[in-house]
Amino acid sequence: MESDSGDSAAQDSLPERLKPFLPQCNTYLIEKFSELPSYRTAENFNVTQFELKAELYHCIHSNEVKRKQGNRETKRPQSARARNVNCAASLHLRIERKRLPYSHSDGHSPSSALYAHEDSLHLNASDEQELMEILADRAKNPDYDYVAKIFQQYRESALGSRNSKPMFERLKQIVEDYDDSGQGRAVLQEYNASSGSVFILCIVTNLMSRVHEKIRQSEEICYMDASAAFDPLNTSITLLYSSCAVGALPLGVLFTSDELEITLEKVTILPSHAFYGRGAEVGPIVFLTDDSSAERNSLELCWPQGIRLLCTFHVLQAFWRWLHDSKHHIKKEDRAPIMEKMKKILYSTSGPEMDVHYNEFKQKFYGYNLLRKHFELLWNRRQFWARTRLPMRENNTNNYIERSFGMLKDIIFARTQAFNPVQIFHFITMSMERFYARRLLGIAHKHPGHLRIARRFLCPGWEKVDANLIQKTNIDFEFIAPSASNSGIFYIVNTKIGACTCPVGISGGPCKHQGAVAMKFHISTLNFIPSLTPNDRMVYGQLAENSSFYASLRAGPGFSPQDQETILSDYSDNFFNDETTEWRELNEENERNERNKETNNAEFNTLL
């Protein structure tokens, strides 16, 4: 039997003579196959013979291979691999290369891809015998050198070089393709040592743009932080985030070669509707950062109207480290009381209360001269770290963005250092985009997994509020709720902006009074996940995927917390300016309602 073919042959189309000899998982390129008469040996064994024509590969011990190698020096001439035994064996076969199912584009390194592939083979094996055969077969289970070579070829073709001009040329082309694709916006400034130009890459994906447009909290507070060591070039990544009941959501990402304020000043490419319509030039009401002078100075240059506050955790952490530094000579028995008094000063809810704790601190601990000088510096900057009644939703730390960096490294980058900035760009625009889209779809589809969010957004303890005493006022979206601990005190709850006059909800944070109102009147509120209506979930679905599927849906009547017809300042006077928590008399409501209608953004910003 003879056949001539230049096409690929799968296992089921191979000649019967070849099936026992060739692995079943490969495709073969066979040019010519001829079946020959069997040969009977002197020991009376019947040997199957055939001729297979394809690319020719010689044994490493043959004269042909040794001739091509030439007379090169061999360190171990007596090794079995170096000896020429005149082997005449040759392989007339070429096997097509198959792509490994796990690649660097998926966030894998060669070792992690090989481990994932071997683990998949282990799980899919039917028994131990099959597992041993598969793991020993390099056609199915390649070794590390083979996988590393595949990854090297991928890097050269898809990512360019690790640094220098070829890498920037590849990055420039990818950025241009990304802008043309309509998936977002990106701006690149190449590094140039001669002209002093630093490397800057700014990214605002479509999902980030929709967060600016549809999430009210994006106009209230923005978290900013930077981290490095994502690639061998130590590229710095700066994140701009906001937070809502779903968690932290991205507003923009910056790649820079350094974290100098002159670099960060040049990186704004936000959309015109940025920060829930306030605009890219105005920025949000509050920026929350750690005590990085470069970040804070750049924020002041880019958004001078924004209020820059410090994370209370970083303030306390820095003060704790200063106390425990032996060169400051603070006695061990005084360190704990000093730290306790510092916390009371920081967590004071009013100016007079803070002054009282400050005077006590001076009387007790100003005997330490170094402590007195250090604390006076902190006290002079108290406007940056003191707790205020700004619309911060009870967020006084930047834990949201710290956790976002953790997820970026653990999930998006899979604990793998990127090859170069080109691959960082792929991770941000592809893997990170899919990650947040799935999180938003979890809320939109009402999957049980969405309940793994922060417990406070489930408003625990709302059932302790007496629902029979909750009343609706004459003002739209405003209710009166009783205190759960003090029977003579009532609080004002506004479901439009998600705020309450209680100590917890005064800055817009979730409280049990908001939860009780939402449960009694079946009203959706920003801070109470169980109260979300189909309209609300539809908004989160549109955030994740801006497709016609969600745009075509129609939900029943109800108030959506993302309604943009009324701005935040419409009810600001009722909540962010109260000096007391007791409810106001109902006969003042009509006058207050008229005053609220005249309030606008300019007045609120002036007030702040």
Foldseek 3Di string as FASTA:
>chain_A
DKDADQDKDALVRDPPVCNVPDDRPFIWGFGMKAWDAWDADPVRDTHGDIDTAADKADDLLAPVNDVVVPPDDDPCCPDPSNHRPNDPDMDRIDIDDDDQPDAVLQQDDLVRSLVVQLVVLVVPDPDPVSNVVQCVDCSNRPDSVVSNVVRVVCCCVQQNALDDDRNVVNLVVVQVVVVVVQQWHKDWDDDDVVVRTWTKIKTFGPLLLLCQAFPQQLQFEWEWDWAFPLAPLGWIKIWIWGAFQLAIDTNIIMTTSDLALVRLLPHDPGDQSGSNNPGQQAGHQEYEYAPDPSVVVSCCNRHVLHHYAYQQVNVLVVVLVVQPDVVLPHDPVCSVVLSVLVVQLQADADDVSNVVSVVVSCVPPVVRVVVVVVVVVVVVVSSRRHDALGQPQQGRHVVRVVVVVVCCCCPLNVVPRDSHVSSVVSSVSPVVLLVLLVSLLCLLVVPPVSCPTDPVLQAPPLVLWDLVPKADAPDPQWIWTADSPDRVAIWIAGQLQQAIQPPNRLSNHRHSRNVNVCVVVLADHRRHSVSDFNVQSLSSNCSSPVDVVSVPDDGDDHDHSSDSPDHPQLCCCVRRVDPDGGDDDSVCVVVVNVVSVPTDDVVVSVVD
